[in-house]
Amino acid sequence: MKKLKKLSKKDLKTIKGGGDFCKPGAGDICGQYGLECGMWFSYTGGQYIESHMACM
């Protein structure tokens, strides 16, 4: 966790929803924060809700 980069308020304000989701492989933006791009799945009460690519 020591390698994680803190996001500034400016960074947080410029996030563009799905346009800023990560993509695995070349050009993966997660590495600069000490993370890797992966698939995120959301479940509520055992029922699938959504999924998307995210830095983890």
C-alpha atoms as a PDB file:
ATOM      1  CA  MET A   1       0.000   0.000   0.000  1.00  0.00           C
ATOM      2  CA  LYS A   2       3.012   2.302   0.387  1.00  0.00           C
ATOM      3  CA  LYS A   3       3.342   2.580  -3.407  1.00  0.00           C
ATOM      4  CA  LEU A   4      -0.161   3.995  -3.891  1.00  0.00           C
ATOM      5  CA  LYS A   5      -0.286   7.517  -5.286  1.00  0.00           C
ATOM      6  CA  LYS A   6      -2.728   9.919  -3.650  1.00  0.00           C
ATOM      7  CA  LEU A   7      -5.124  11.618  -6.042  1.00  0.00           C
ATOM      8  CA  SER A   8      -5.395  15.375  -5.837  1.00  0.00           C
ATOM      9  CA  LYS A   9      -8.718  17.216  -5.757  1.00  0.00           C
ATOM     10  CA  LYS A  10      -7.967  18.336  -9.323  1.00  0.00           C
ATOM     11  CA  ASP A  11      -7.489  14.696 -10.420  1.00  0.00           C
ATOM     12  CA  LEU A  12     -10.750  13.667  -8.772  1.00  0.00           C
ATOM     13  CA  LYS A  13     -12.663  16.515 -10.433  1.00  0.00           C
ATOM     14  CA  THR A  14     -11.412  15.562 -13.919  1.00  0.00           C
ATOM     15  CA  ILE A  15     -12.455  11.889 -13.857  1.00  0.00           C
ATOM     16  CA  LYS A  16     -14.672  11.183 -16.873  1.00  0.00           C
ATOM     17  CA  GLY A  17     -16.768   8.187 -15.871  1.00  0.00           C
ATOM     18  CA  GLY A  18     -16.440   5.262 -18.273  1.00  0.00           C
ATOM     19  CA  GLY A  19     -13.887   7.128 -20.358  1.00  0.00           C
ATOM     20  CA  ASP A  20     -11.395   6.770 -17.513  1.00  0.00           C
ATOM     21  CA  PHE A  21     -11.868   3.049 -16.870  1.00  0.00           C
ATOM     22  CA  CYS A  22      -8.645   1.101 -17.258  1.00  0.00           C
ATOM     23  CA  LYS A  23      -7.757  -1.260 -20.066  1.00  0.00           C
ATOM     24  CA  PRO A  24      -5.497  -4.278 -19.448  1.00  0.00           C
ATOM     25  CA  GLY A  25      -2.245  -4.572 -21.390  1.00  0.00           C
ATOM     26  CA  ALA A  26      -0.297  -1.786 -23.090  1.00  0.00           C
ATOM     27  CA  GLY A  27      -1.320   1.665 -21.904  1.00  0.00           C
ATOM     28  CA  ASP A  28      -2.664   0.441 -18.547  1.00  0.00           C
ATOM     29  CA  ILE A  29      -2.922   3.592 -16.384  1.00  0.00           C
ATOM     30  CA  CYS A  30      -3.189   1.666 -13.107  1.00  0.00           C
ATOM     31  CA  GLY A  31       0.539   0.919 -12.881  1.00  0.00           C
ATOM     32  CA  GLN A  32       1.382   4.538 -12.074  1.00  0.00           C
ATOM     33  CA  TYR A  33      -0.683   4.172  -8.890  1.00  0.00           C
ATOM     34  CA  GLY A  34       0.849   0.813  -7.915  1.00  0.00           C
ATOM     35  CA  LEU A  35      -2.306  -1.047  -9.010  1.00  0.00           C
ATOM     36  CA  GLU A  36      -3.391  -3.412 -11.781  1.00  0.00           C
ATOM     37  CA  CYS A  37      -6.400  -3.273 -14.089  1.00  0.00           C
ATOM     38  CA  GLY A  38      -9.014  -5.923 -13.360  1.00  0.00           C
ATOM     39  CA  MET A  39     -12.686  -6.784 -13.643  1.00  0.00           C
ATOM     40  CA  TRP A  40     -14.932  -5.484 -10.825  1.00  0.00           C
ATOM     41  CA  PHE A  41     -18.199  -7.319 -10.138  1.00  0.00           C
ATOM     42  CA  SER A  42     -20.950  -6.025  -7.838  1.00  0.00           C
ATOM     43  CA  TYR A  43     -23.392  -8.357  -6.093  1.00  0.00           C
ATOM     44  CA  THR A  44     -26.211  -7.563  -3.662  1.00  0.00           C
ATOM     45  CA  GLY A  45     -27.826 -10.403  -1.741  1.00  0.00           C
ATOM     46  CA  GLY A  46     -26.096 -12.907  -4.045  1.00  0.00           C
ATOM     47  CA  GLN A  47     -27.589 -11.294  -7.167  1.00  0.00           C
ATOM     48  CA  TYR A  48     -25.332  -9.837  -9.894  1.00  0.00           C
ATOM     49  CA  ILE A  49     -25.761  -6.052 -10.226  1.00  0.00           C
ATOM     50  CA  GLU A  50     -22.982  -4.728 -12.514  1.00  0.00           C
ATOM     51  CA  SER A  51     -19.383  -5.129 -13.687  1.00  0.00           C
ATOM     52  CA  HIS A  52     -16.668  -2.885 -15.123  1.00  0.00           C
ATOM     53  CA  MET A  53     -12.903  -2.583 -15.496  1.00  0.00           C
ATOM     54  CA  ALA A  54     -11.220  -0.851 -12.536  1.00  0.00           C
ATOM     55  CA  CYS A  55      -7.794  -0.272 -10.987  1.00  0.00           C
ATOM     56  CA  MET A  56      -7.304  -2.626  -8.040  1.00  0.00           C
END
